[in-house]
Amino acid sequence: MQEIYTRPAHVITRRVGDEIIALDMDSELYFSLNEVGAQMYDLLCEGKSVGDVVVSMSSKYNVTDDRLAADLDALIHQLVGRGLLTPAS
């Protein structure tokens, strides 16, 4: 769980309240993240590893590491699939 991701240069984000709107300037498609997804995305884009995000957020939201890791994995899969997040090289 030490994978690290980054936001591609062609993606612009804006915070709207507790949410994040991510816009892919290449495809002109946008994706909305709720409060929890926005926090996950922020931490990942700050260079935190997947494991660090799990530890940080599981205590904050009082959920098990396994549950949070599964939710984070699903979000990462969606974001990578839409070109809004890429593995760091």
Protein backbone atom coordinates (compact mmCIF):
# COMPACT_ATOMS: atom_id res chain seq x y z
CA MET A 1 0.00 0.00 0.00
CA GLN A 2 2.92 2.28 -0.64
CA GLU A 3 1.70 3.31 -4.09
CA ILE A 4 1.89 7.03 -4.78
CA TYR A 5 -0.24 8.89 -7.30
CA THR A 6 -0.22 12.34 -8.82
CA ARG A 7 -2.65 14.66 -10.59
CA PRO A 8 -1.80 14.99 -14.28
CA ALA A 9 -0.95 18.47 -15.62
CA HIS A 10 -4.05 18.46 -17.85
CA VAL A 11 -6.38 18.22 -14.84
CA ILE A 12 -7.68 21.33 -13.08
CA THR A 13 -9.45 21.12 -9.73
CA ARG A 14 -11.65 23.55 -7.86
CA ARG A 15 -13.11 23.23 -4.41
CA VAL A 16 -16.81 23.96 -4.12
CA GLY A 17 -17.77 23.81 -0.46
CA ASP A 18 -16.57 20.43 0.81
CA GLU A 19 -16.47 18.92 -2.68
CA ILE A 20 -13.90 18.97 -5.46
CA ILE A 21 -14.67 19.35 -9.14
CA ALA A 22 -11.90 17.88 -11.32
CA LEU A 23 -11.83 18.92 -14.98
CA ASP A 24 -9.83 17.02 -17.58
CA MET A 25 -8.85 19.76 -20.03
CA ASP A 26 -7.98 17.19 -22.73
CA SER A 27 -11.38 15.49 -22.80
CA GLU A 28 -13.36 18.43 -21.33
CA LEU A 29 -15.07 15.99 -18.94
CA TYR A 30 -15.47 16.73 -15.25
CA PHE A 31 -15.83 14.58 -12.18
CA SER A 32 -17.30 15.60 -8.83
CA LEU A 33 -15.93 14.25 -5.55
CA ASN A 34 -17.91 14.39 -2.32
CA GLU A 35 -16.31 15.47 0.96
CA VAL A 36 -14.66 12.13 1.72
CA GLY A 37 -13.54 11.55 -1.87
CA ALA A 38 -12.18 15.10 -1.98
CA GLN A 39 -10.08 14.49 1.12
CA MET A 40 -8.75 11.25 -0.36
CA TYR A 41 -7.91 13.01 -3.63
CA ASP A 42 -6.20 15.91 -1.84
CA LEU A 43 -4.02 13.57 0.22
CA LEU A 44 -3.08 11.50 -2.82
CA CYS A 45 -2.22 14.62 -4.83
CA GLU A 46 -0.04 15.84 -1.93
CA GLY A 47 2.13 12.76 -2.48
CA LYS A 48 0.82 10.65 0.39
CA SER A 49 1.01 6.90 -0.18
CA VAL A 50 -2.17 4.83 -0.30
CA GLY A 51 -1.23 3.36 3.09
CA ASP A 52 -0.75 6.81 4.62
CA VAL A 53 -4.15 7.94 3.34
CA VAL A 54 -5.80 4.83 4.82
CA VAL A 55 -4.22 5.34 8.25
CA SER A 56 -4.99 9.06 8.30
CA MET A 57 -8.61 8.75 7.26
CA SER A 58 -9.67 5.54 9.00
CA SER A 59 -9.12 7.05 12.43
CA LYS A 60 -10.84 10.28 11.42
CA TYR A 61 -13.97 8.49 10.16
CA ASN A 62 -13.93 5.62 12.66
CA VAL A 63 -13.87 2.86 10.04
CA THR A 64 -11.59 -0.13 9.70
CA ASP A 65 -8.45 0.11 7.61
CA ASP A 66 -9.78 -2.68 5.38
CA ARG A 67 -13.01 -0.83 4.65
CA LEU A 68 -11.27 2.45 3.94
CA ALA A 69 -8.65 0.72 1.78
CA ALA A 70 -11.41 -0.89 -0.31
CA ASP A 71 -13.20 2.44 -0.77
CA LEU A 72 -9.93 4.21 -1.62
CA ASP A 73 -8.99 1.49 -4.11
CA ALA A 74 -12.36 1.87 -5.85
CA LEU A 75 -11.91 5.65 -6.04
CA ILE A 76 -8.36 5.36 -7.36
CA HIS A 77 -9.56 2.91 -10.02
CA GLN A 78 -12.24 5.39 -11.17
CA LEU A 79 -9.88 8.37 -11.15
CA VAL A 80 -7.10 6.57 -13.02
CA GLY A 81 -9.63 5.23 -15.51
CA ARG A 82 -10.85 8.77 -16.20
CA GLY A 83 -7.34 10.20 -16.48
CA LEU A 84 -7.70 12.32 -13.32
CA LEU A 85 -4.95 10.53 -11.40
CA THR A 86 -1.81 8.71 -12.51
CA PRO A 87 0.73 6.54 -10.73
CA ALA A 88 3.85 8.52 -9.82
CA SER A 89 6.93 7.38 -11.67
